[in-house]
Structure formats: structure tokens, C-alpha cells
Amino acid sequence: ALLAERLDRLEPGERAVIERAAIVGREFSRGAVADL
């Protein structure tokens, strides 16, 4: 619940970026996130 609340407080751009990073995995690169 704590993490969900922290994610809800993110700016829309930050939220979109962290979601795409989550697709890649625990480790990710800026280029992979940018492609998505």
C-alpha cells in the first residue's frame, strides 16, 4: 500500500517512465525505457 501511494504521487511523465522500466526488469537502461 505504501509503494502504491508513492507511485500515485508521481508526475504523469515519471509514472509512464517507471512503468516502462518495470517491463524491462529490476535492471534497465535509459535507452530501453526511451524505446518503450
PDB file of all heavy atoms in Angstrom:
ATOM      1  N   ALA A   1       0.832  -1.208   0.000  1.00  0.00           N
ATOM      2  CA  ALA A   1       0.000   0.000   0.000  1.00  0.00           C
ATOM      3  C   ALA A   1       0.862   1.252   0.000  1.00  0.00           C
ATOM      4  O   ALA A   1       0.534   2.260  -0.647  1.00  0.00           O
ATOM      5  CB  ALA A   1      -0.919  -0.010   1.221  1.00  0.00           C
ATOM      6  N   LEU A   2       1.965   1.216   0.728  1.00  0.00           N
ATOM      7  CA  LEU A   2       2.877   2.356   0.761  1.00  0.00           C
ATOM      8  C   LEU A   2       3.446   2.648  -0.622  1.00  0.00           C
ATOM      9  O   LEU A   2       3.466   3.799  -1.085  1.00  0.00           O
ATOM     10  CB  LEU A   2       4.006   2.074   1.747  1.00  0.00           C
ATOM     11  CG  LEU A   2       5.227   2.993   1.706  1.00  0.00           C
ATOM     12  CD1 LEU A   2       4.829   4.429   1.989  1.00  0.00           C
ATOM     13  CD2 LEU A   2       6.279   2.513   2.690  1.00  0.00           C
ATOM     14  N   LEU A   3       3.916   1.607  -1.310  1.00  0.00           N
ATOM     15  CA  LEU A   3       4.501   1.812  -2.636  1.00  0.00           C
ATOM     16  C   LEU A   3       3.451   2.290  -3.627  1.00  0.00           C
ATOM     17  O   LEU A   3       3.741   3.126  -4.491  1.00  0.00           O
ATOM     18  CB  LEU A   3       5.161   0.518  -3.113  1.00  0.00           C
ATOM     19  CG  LEU A   3       6.376   0.064  -2.288  1.00  0.00           C
ATOM     20  CD1 LEU A   3       6.879  -1.283  -2.781  1.00  0.00           C
ATOM     21  CD2 LEU A   3       7.489   1.098  -2.342  1.00  0.00           C
ATOM     22  N   ALA A   4       2.236   1.756  -3.519  1.00  0.00           N
ATOM     23  CA  ALA A   4       1.160   2.212  -4.402  1.00  0.00           C
ATOM     24  C   ALA A   4       0.888   3.699  -4.200  1.00  0.00           C
ATOM     25  O   ALA A   4       0.680   4.450  -5.166  1.00  0.00           O
ATOM     26  CB  ALA A   4      -0.108   1.397  -4.150  1.00  0.00           C
ATOM     27  N   GLU A   5       0.896   4.153  -2.950  1.00  0.00           N
ATOM     28  CA  GLU A   5       0.657   5.577  -2.681  1.00  0.00           C
ATOM     29  C   GLU A   5       1.790   6.427  -3.232  1.00  0.00           C
ATOM     30  O   GLU A   5       1.563   7.502  -3.790  1.00  0.00           O
ATOM     31  CB  GLU A   5       0.496   5.801  -1.177  1.00  0.00           C
ATOM     32  CG  GLU A   5       0.174   7.257  -0.833  1.00  0.00           C
ATOM     33  CD  GLU A   5      -0.241   7.461   0.611  1.00  0.00           C
ATOM     34  OE1 GLU A   5      -0.564   6.467   1.279  1.00  0.00           O
ATOM     35  OE2 GLU A   5      -0.228   8.636   1.062  1.00  0.00           O
ATOM     36  N   ARG A   6       3.025   5.956  -3.101  1.00  0.00           N
ATOM     37  CA  ARG A   6       4.157   6.718  -3.636  1.00  0.00           C
ATOM     38  C   ARG A   6       4.077   6.825  -5.153  1.00  0.00           C
ATOM     39  O   ARG A   6       4.363   7.872  -5.732  1.00  0.00           O
ATOM     40  CB  ARG A   6       5.476   6.056  -3.232  1.00  0.00           C
ATOM     41  CG  ARG A   6       5.771   6.147  -1.743  1.00  0.00           C
ATOM     42  CD  ARG A   6       7.245   6.406  -1.513  1.00  0.00           C
ATOM     43  NE  ARG A   6       7.679   7.648  -2.105  1.00  0.00           N
ATOM     44  CZ  ARG A   6       8.923   7.867  -2.553  1.00  0.00           C
ATOM     45  NH1 ARG A   6       9.828   6.909  -2.500  1.00  0.00           N
ATOM     46  NH2 ARG A   6       9.262   9.028  -3.065  1.00  0.00           N
ATOM     47  N   LEU A   7       3.678   5.755  -5.806  1.00  0.00           N
ATOM     48  CA  LEU A   7       3.536   5.792  -7.272  1.00  0.00           C
ATOM     49  C   LEU A   7       2.418   6.747  -7.679  1.00  0.00           C
ATOM     50  O   LEU A   7       2.529   7.452  -8.698  1.00  0.00           O
ATOM     51  CB  LEU A   7       3.271   4.384  -7.802  1.00  0.00           C
ATOM     52  CG  LEU A   7       4.437   3.381  -7.678  1.00  0.00           C
ATOM     53  CD1 LEU A   7       3.971   1.984  -8.056  1.00  0.00           C
ATOM     54  CD2 LEU A   7       5.614   3.796  -8.547  1.00  0.00           C
ATOM     55  N   ASP A   8       1.345   6.768  -6.911  1.00  0.00           N
ATOM     56  CA  ASP A   8       0.222   7.665  -7.231  1.00  0.00           C
ATOM     57  C   ASP A   8       0.631   9.135  -7.139  1.00  0.00           C
ATOM     58  O   ASP A   8      -0.006   9.996  -7.756  1.00  0.00           O
ATOM     59  CB  ASP A   8      -0.955   7.400  -6.291  1.00  0.00           C
ATOM     60  CG  ASP A   8      -1.672   6.101  -6.617  1.00  0.00           C
ATOM     61  OD1 ASP A   8      -1.490   5.598  -7.744  1.00  0.00           O
ATOM     62  OD2 ASP A   8      -2.382   5.573  -5.736  1.00  0.00           O
ATOM     63  N   ARG A   9       1.666   9.443  -6.381  1.00  0.00           N
ATOM     64  CA  ARG A   9       2.096  10.822  -6.200  1.00  0.00           C
ATOM     65  C   ARG A   9       3.059  11.286  -7.305  1.00  0.00           C
ATOM     66  O   ARG A   9       3.439  12.459  -7.332  1.00  0.00           O
ATOM     67  CB  ARG A   9       2.777  10.985  -4.835  1.00  0.00           C
ATOM     68  CG  ARG A   9       1.815  10.925  -3.656  1.00  0.00           C
ATOM     69  CD  ARG A   9       2.552  10.978  -2.329  1.00  0.00           C
ATOM     70  NE  ARG A   9       1.602  11.169  -1.232  1.00  0.00           N
ATOM     71  CZ  ARG A   9       1.212  12.349  -0.773  1.00  0.00           C
ATOM     72  NH1 ARG A   9       1.688  13.471  -1.323  1.00  0.00           N
ATOM     73  NH2 ARG A   9       0.344  12.436   0.214  1.00  0.00           N
ATOM     74  N   LEU A  10       3.471  10.387  -8.179  1.00  0.00           N
ATOM     75  CA  LEU A  10       4.408  10.761  -9.233  1.00  0.00           C
ATOM     76  C   LEU A  10       3.732  11.637 -10.282  1.00  0.00           C
ATOM     77  O   LEU A  10       2.525  11.538 -10.515  1.00  0.00           O
ATOM     78  CB  LEU A  10       4.967   9.505  -9.913  1.00  0.00           C
ATOM     79  CG  LEU A  10       5.844   8.587  -9.056  1.00  0.00           C
ATOM     80  CD1 LEU A  10       6.234   7.353  -9.858  1.00  0.00           C
ATOM     81  CD2 LEU A  10       7.083   9.317  -8.546  1.00  0.00           C
ATOM     82  N   GLU A  11       4.552  12.470 -10.932  1.00  0.00           N
ATOM     83  CA  GLU A  11       4.071  13.220 -12.094  1.00  0.00           C
ATOM     84  C   GLU A  11       3.741  12.247 -13.230  1.00  0.00           C
ATOM     85  O   GLU A  11       4.317  11.151 -13.295  1.00  0.00           O
ATOM     86  CB  GLU A  11       5.135  14.221 -12.550  1.00  0.00           C
ATOM     87  CG  GLU A  11       5.515  15.271 -11.510  1.00  0.00           C
ATOM     88  CD  GLU A  11       4.351  16.213 -11.231  1.00  0.00           C
ATOM     89  OE1 GLU A  11       3.530  16.424 -12.149  1.00  0.00           O
ATOM     90  OE2 GLU A  11       4.269  16.723 -10.100  1.00  0.00           O
ATOM     91  N   PRO A  12       2.828  12.618 -14.153  1.00  0.00           N
ATOM     92  CA  PRO A  12       2.452  11.686 -15.227  1.00  0.00           C
ATOM     93  C   PRO A  12       3.644  11.157 -16.026  1.00  0.00           C
ATOM     94  O   PRO A  12       3.705   9.960 -16.343  1.00  0.00           O
ATOM     95  CB  PRO A  12       1.515  12.521 -16.099  1.00  0.00           C
ATOM     96  CG  PRO A  12       0.928  13.528 -15.164  1.00  0.00           C
ATOM     97  CD  PRO A  12       2.012  13.846 -14.181  1.00  0.00           C
ATOM     98  N   GLY A  13       4.605  12.027 -16.345  1.00  0.00           N
ATOM     99  CA  GLY A  13       5.778  11.576 -17.094  1.00  0.00           C
ATOM    100  C   GLY A  13       6.619  10.601 -16.307  1.00  0.00           C
ATOM    101  O   GLY A  13       7.107   9.589 -16.848  1.00  0.00           O
ATOM    102  N   GLU A  14       6.801  10.872 -15.007  1.00  0.00           N
ATOM    103  CA  GLU A  14       7.564   9.966 -14.157  1.00  0.00           C
ATOM    104  C   GLU A  14       6.865   8.621 -14.041  1.00  0.00           C
ATOM    105  O   GLU A  14       7.517   7.562 -14.077  1.00  0.00           O
ATOM    106  CB  GLU A  14       7.743  10.581 -12.767  1.00  0.00           C
ATOM    107  CG  GLU A  14       8.575  11.859 -12.761  1.00  0.00           C
ATOM    108  CD  GLU A  14       8.501  12.603 -11.441  1.00  0.00           C
ATOM    109  OE1 GLU A  14       7.718  12.178 -10.549  1.00  0.00           O
ATOM    110  OE2 GLU A  14       9.215  13.606 -11.295  1.00  0.00           O
ATOM    111  N   ARG A  15       5.553   8.651 -13.925  1.00  0.00           N
ATOM    112  CA  ARG A  15       4.783   7.403 -13.819  1.00  0.00           C
ATOM    113  C   ARG A  15       4.925   6.573 -15.096  1.00  0.00           C
ATOM    114  O   ARG A  15       5.137   5.354 -15.037  1.00  0.00           O
ATOM    115  CB  ARG A  15       3.316   7.732 -13.552  1.00  0.00           C
ATOM    116  CG  ARG A  15       2.402   6.527 -13.390  1.00  0.00           C
ATOM    117  CD  ARG A  15       2.714   5.756 -12.115  1.00  0.00           C
ATOM    118  NE  ARG A  15       1.819   4.645 -11.915  1.00  0.00           N
ATOM    119  CZ  ARG A  15       0.739   4.679 -11.128  1.00  0.00           C
ATOM    120  NH1 ARG A  15       0.430   5.780 -10.460  1.00  0.00           N
ATOM    121  NH2 ARG A  15      -0.016   3.619 -10.969  1.00  0.00           N
ATOM    122  N   ALA A  16       4.850   7.212 -16.239  1.00  0.00           N
ATOM    123  CA  ALA A  16       4.995   6.482 -17.505  1.00  0.00           C
ATOM    124  C   ALA A  16       6.388   5.876 -17.637  1.00  0.00           C
ATOM    125  O   ALA A  16       6.549   4.744 -18.121  1.00  0.00           O
ATOM    126  CB  ALA A  16       4.716   7.417 -18.682  1.00  0.00           C
ATOM    127  N   VAL A  17       7.396   6.610 -17.192  1.00  0.00           N
ATOM    128  CA  VAL A  17       8.769   6.114 -17.299  1.00  0.00           C
ATOM    129  C   VAL A  17       9.000   4.929 -16.375  1.00  0.00           C
ATOM    130  O   VAL A  17       9.585   3.911 -16.770  1.00  0.00           O
ATOM    131  CB  VAL A  17       9.768   7.257 -16.999  1.00  0.00           C
ATOM    132  CG1 VAL A  17      11.176   6.701 -16.746  1.00  0.00           C
ATOM    133  CG2 VAL A  17       9.799   8.231 -18.166  1.00  0.00           C
ATOM    134  N   ILE A  18       8.540   5.012 -15.114  1.00  0.00           N
ATOM    135  CA  ILE A  18       8.792   3.912 -14.177  1.00  0.00           C
ATOM    136  C   ILE A  18       8.014   2.658 -14.583  1.00  0.00           C
ATOM    137  O   ILE A  18       8.473   1.528 -14.373  1.00  0.00           O
ATOM    138  CB  ILE A  18       8.468   4.344 -12.728  1.00  0.00           C
ATOM    139  CG1 ILE A  18       9.195   3.415 -11.740  1.00  0.00           C
ATOM    140  CG2 ILE A  18       6.969   4.338 -12.450  1.00  0.00           C
ATOM    141  CD1 ILE A  18       9.130   3.877 -10.307  1.00  0.00           C
ATOM    142  N   GLU A  19       6.849   2.833 -15.197  1.00  0.00           N
ATOM    143  CA  GLU A  19       6.097   1.667 -15.670  1.00  0.00           C
ATOM    144  C   GLU A  19       6.838   0.962 -16.798  1.00  0.00           C
ATOM    145  O   GLU A  19       6.900  -0.280 -16.839  1.00  0.00           O
ATOM    146  CB  GLU A  19       4.706   2.107 -16.126  1.00  0.00           C
ATOM    147  CG  GLU A  19       3.786   2.482 -14.980  1.00  0.00           C
ATOM    148  CD  GLU A  19       2.447   3.037 -15.438  1.00  0.00           C
ATOM    149  OE1 GLU A  19       2.304   3.366 -16.648  1.00  0.00           O
ATOM    150  OE2 GLU A  19       1.535   3.140 -14.601  1.00  0.00           O
ATOM    151  N   ARG A  20       7.422   1.726 -17.704  1.00  0.00           N
ATOM    152  CA  ARG A  20       8.160   1.100 -18.808  1.00  0.00           C
ATOM    153  C   ARG A  20       9.451   0.459 -18.315  1.00  0.00           C
ATOM    154  O   ARG A  20       9.859  -0.593 -18.823  1.00  0.00           O
ATOM    155  CB  ARG A  20       8.403   2.134 -19.903  1.00  0.00           C
ATOM    156  CG  ARG A  20       7.160   2.312 -20.766  1.00  0.00           C
ATOM    157  CD  ARG A  20       6.948   3.705 -21.291  1.00  0.00           C
ATOM    158  NE  ARG A  20       5.697   3.758 -22.063  1.00  0.00           N
ATOM    159  CZ  ARG A  20       4.488   3.908 -21.517  1.00  0.00           C
ATOM    160  NH1 ARG A  20       4.364   4.036 -20.208  1.00  0.00           N
ATOM    161  NH2 ARG A  20       3.408   3.933 -22.279  1.00  0.00           N
ATOM    162  N   ALA A  21      10.055   1.059 -17.302  1.00  0.00           N
ATOM    163  CA  ALA A  21      11.222   0.418 -16.695  1.00  0.00           C
ATOM    164  C   ALA A  21      10.841  -0.913 -16.059  1.00  0.00           C
ATOM    165  O   ALA A  21      11.602  -1.886 -16.113  1.00  0.00           O
ATOM    166  CB  ALA A  21      11.833   1.355 -15.649  1.00  0.00           C
ATOM    167  N   ALA A  22       9.639  -0.983 -15.464  1.00  0.00           N
ATOM    168  CA  ALA A  22       9.191  -2.217 -14.818  1.00  0.00           C
ATOM    169  C   ALA A  22       9.016  -3.349 -15.827  1.00  0.00           C
ATOM    170  O   ALA A  22       9.159  -4.529 -15.474  1.00  0.00           O
ATOM    171  CB  ALA A  22       7.881  -1.974 -14.075  1.00  0.00           C
ATOM    172  N   ILE A  23       8.693  -3.032 -17.063  1.00  0.00           N
ATOM    173  CA  ILE A  23       8.582  -4.060 -18.103  1.00  0.00           C
ATOM    174  C   ILE A  23       9.936  -4.696 -18.357  1.00  0.00           C
ATOM    175  O   ILE A  23      10.065  -5.921 -18.500  1.00  0.00           O
ATOM    176  CB  ILE A  23       8.019  -3.450 -19.401  1.00  0.00           C
ATOM    177  CG1 ILE A  23       6.559  -3.051 -19.217  1.00  0.00           C
ATOM    178  CG2 ILE A  23       8.179  -4.406 -20.584  1.00  0.00           C
ATOM    179  CD1 ILE A  23       5.597  -4.212 -19.062  1.00  0.00           C
ATOM    180  N   VAL A  24      10.992  -3.875 -18.396  1.00  0.00           N
ATOM    181  CA  VAL A  24      12.332  -4.376 -18.700  1.00  0.00           C
ATOM    182  C   VAL A  24      12.817  -5.303 -17.592  1.00  0.00           C
ATOM    183  O   VAL A  24      13.364  -6.367 -17.837  1.00  0.00           O
ATOM    184  CB  VAL A  24      13.313  -3.207 -18.905  1.00  0.00           C
ATOM    185  CG1 VAL A  24      14.708  -3.732 -19.245  1.00  0.00           C
ATOM    186  CG2 VAL A  24      12.813  -2.286 -20.017  1.00  0.00           C
ATOM    187  N   GLY A  25      12.612  -4.901 -16.323  1.00  0.00           N
ATOM    188  CA  GLY A  25      13.046  -5.736 -15.208  1.00  0.00           C
ATOM    189  C   GLY A  25      13.644  -4.898 -14.105  1.00  0.00           C
ATOM    190  O   GLY A  25      13.592  -3.655 -14.139  1.00  0.00           O
ATOM    191  N   ARG A  26      14.236  -5.554 -13.128  1.00  0.00           N
ATOM    192  CA  ARG A  26      14.803  -4.797 -11.999  1.00  0.00           C
ATOM    193  C   ARG A  26      15.941  -3.900 -12.475  1.00  0.00           C
ATOM    194  O   ARG A  26      16.118  -2.797 -11.988  1.00  0.00           O
ATOM    195  CB  ARG A  26      15.290  -5.747 -10.917  1.00  0.00           C
ATOM    196  CG  ARG A  26      15.765  -4.980  -9.691  1.00  0.00           C
ATOM    197  CD  ARG A  26      16.106  -5.876  -8.525  1.00  0.00           C
ATOM    198  NE  ARG A  26      16.496  -5.073  -7.367  1.00  0.00           N
ATOM    199  CZ  ARG A  26      16.865  -5.575  -6.207  1.00  0.00           C
ATOM    200  NH1 ARG A  26      16.867  -6.872  -6.032  1.00  0.00           N
ATOM    201  NH2 ARG A  26      17.223  -4.789  -5.217  1.00  0.00           N
ATOM    202  N   GLU A  27      16.775  -4.390 -13.415  1.00  0.00           N
ATOM    203  CA  GLU A  27      17.817  -3.562 -14.013  1.00  0.00           C
ATOM    204  C   GLU A  27      17.360  -3.142 -15.400  1.00  0.00           C
ATOM    205  O   GLU A  27      16.777  -3.930 -16.143  1.00  0.00           O
ATOM    206  CB  GLU A  27      19.139  -4.329 -14.113  1.00  0.00           C
ATOM    207  CG  GLU A  27      19.704  -4.757 -12.776  1.00  0.00           C
ATOM    208  CD  GLU A  27      19.277  -6.146 -12.363  1.00  0.00           C
ATOM    209  OE1 GLU A  27      18.802  -6.893 -13.253  1.00  0.00           O
ATOM    210  OE2 GLU A  27      19.374  -6.483 -11.180  1.00  0.00           O
ATOM    211  N   PHE A  28      17.650  -1.909 -15.769  1.00  0.00           N
ATOM    212  CA  PHE A  28      17.205  -1.412 -17.074  1.00  0.00           C
ATOM    213  C   PHE A  28      18.122  -0.289 -17.518  1.00  0.00           C
ATOM    214  O   PHE A  28      18.905   0.254 -16.722  1.00  0.00           O
ATOM    215  CB  PHE A  28      15.758  -0.920 -16.989  1.00  0.00           C
ATOM    216  CG  PHE A  28      15.518   0.121 -15.931  1.00  0.00           C
ATOM    217  CD1 PHE A  28      15.618   1.469 -16.217  1.00  0.00           C
ATOM    218  CD2 PHE A  28      15.202  -0.264 -14.625  1.00  0.00           C
ATOM    219  CE1 PHE A  28      15.419   2.430 -15.231  1.00  0.00           C
ATOM    220  CE2 PHE A  28      14.999   0.687 -13.629  1.00  0.00           C
ATOM    221  CZ  PHE A  28      15.104   2.043 -13.937  1.00  0.00           C
ATOM    222  N   SER A  29      18.046   0.055 -18.782  1.00  0.00           N
ATOM    223  CA  SER A  29      18.856   1.149 -19.321  1.00  0.00           C
ATOM    224  C   SER A  29      17.954   2.292 -19.763  1.00  0.00           C
ATOM    225  O   SER A  29      16.764   2.103 -20.042  1.00  0.00           O
ATOM    226  CB  SER A  29      19.682   0.658 -20.518  1.00  0.00           C
ATOM    227  OG  SER A  29      18.839   0.355 -21.617  1.00  0.00           O
ATOM    228  N   ARG A  30      18.543   3.468 -19.817  1.00  0.00           N
ATOM    229  CA  ARG A  30      17.788   4.637 -20.287  1.00  0.00           C
ATOM    230  C   ARG A  30      17.300   4.402 -21.704  1.00  0.00           C
ATOM    231  O   ARG A  30      16.155   4.733 -22.050  1.00  0.00           O
ATOM    232  CB  ARG A  30      18.676   5.875 -20.228  1.00  0.00           C
ATOM    233  CG  ARG A  30      18.015   7.157 -20.755  1.00  0.00           C
ATOM    234  CD  ARG A  30      18.988   8.307 -20.767  1.00  0.00           C
ATOM    235  NE  ARG A  30      20.225   7.980 -21.454  1.00  0.00           N
ATOM    236  CZ  ARG A  30      20.366   7.940 -22.790  1.00  0.00           C
ATOM    237  NH1 ARG A  30      19.329   8.215 -23.569  1.00  0.00           N
ATOM    238  NH2 ARG A  30      21.519   7.620 -23.327  1.00  0.00           N
ATOM    239  N   GLY A  31      18.137   3.804 -22.566  1.00  0.00           N
ATOM    240  CA  GLY A  31      17.743   3.573 -23.954  1.00  0.00           C
ATOM    241  C   GLY A  31      16.568   2.633 -24.091  1.00  0.00           C
ATOM    242  O   GLY A  31      15.682   2.854 -24.921  1.00  0.00           O
ATOM    243  N   ALA A  32      16.540   1.569 -23.265  1.00  0.00           N
ATOM    244  CA  ALA A  32      15.430   0.620 -23.335  1.00  0.00           C
ATOM    245  C   ALA A  32      14.124   1.292 -22.939  1.00  0.00           C
ATOM    246  O   ALA A  32      13.082   1.078 -23.574  1.00  0.00           O
ATOM    247  CB  ALA A  32      15.709  -0.578 -22.432  1.00  0.00           C
ATOM    248  N   VAL A  33      14.168   2.110 -21.883  1.00  0.00           N
ATOM    249  CA  VAL A  33      12.958   2.809 -21.439  1.00  0.00           C
ATOM    250  C   VAL A  33      12.509   3.811 -22.493  1.00  0.00           C
ATOM    251  O   VAL A  33      11.312   3.935 -22.787  1.00  0.00           O
ATOM    252  CB  VAL A  33      13.208   3.501 -20.083  1.00  0.00           C
ATOM    253  CG1 VAL A  33      12.007   4.348 -19.685  1.00  0.00           C
ATOM    254  CG2 VAL A  33      13.494   2.457 -19.013  1.00  0.00           C
ATOM    255  N   ALA A  34      13.462   4.520 -23.092  1.00  0.00           N
ATOM    256  CA  ALA A  34      13.114   5.505 -24.117  1.00  0.00           C
ATOM    257  C   ALA A  34      12.444   4.848 -25.318  1.00  0.00           C
ATOM    258  O   ALA A  34      11.501   5.393 -25.895  1.00  0.00           O
ATOM    259  CB  ALA A  34      14.361   6.273 -24.557  1.00  0.00           C
ATOM    260  N   ASP A  35      12.918   3.658 -25.693  1.00  0.00           N
ATOM    261  CA  ASP A  35      12.316   2.941 -26.822  1.00  0.00           C
ATOM    262  C   ASP A  35      10.861   2.584 -26.550  1.00  0.00           C
ATOM    263  O   ASP A  35      10.045   2.511 -27.480  1.00  0.00           O
ATOM    264  CB  ASP A  35      13.105   1.663 -27.120  1.00  0.00           C
ATOM    265  CG  ASP A  35      14.277   1.913 -28.043  1.00  0.00           C
ATOM    266  OD1 ASP A  35      14.484   3.087 -28.433  1.00  0.00           O
ATOM    267  OD2 ASP A  35      14.999   0.949 -28.361  1.00  0.00           O
ATOM    268  N   LEU A  36      10.521   2.320 -25.287  1.00  0.00           N
ATOM    269  CA  LEU A  36       9.156   1.929 -24.935  1.00  0.00           C
ATOM    270  C   LEU A  36       8.259   3.130 -24.645  1.00  0.00           C
ATOM    271  O   LEU A  36       7.036   2.983 -24.573  1.00  0.00           O
ATOM    272  CB  LEU A  36       9.172   1.009 -23.704  1.00  0.00           C
ATOM    273  CG  LEU A  36       9.887  -0.342 -23.868  1.00  0.00           C
ATOM    274  CD1 LEU A  36       9.856  -1.112 -22.555  1.00  0.00           C
ATOM    275  CD2 LEU A  36       9.255  -1.168 -24.985  1.00  0.00           C
TER     276      LEU A  36
END
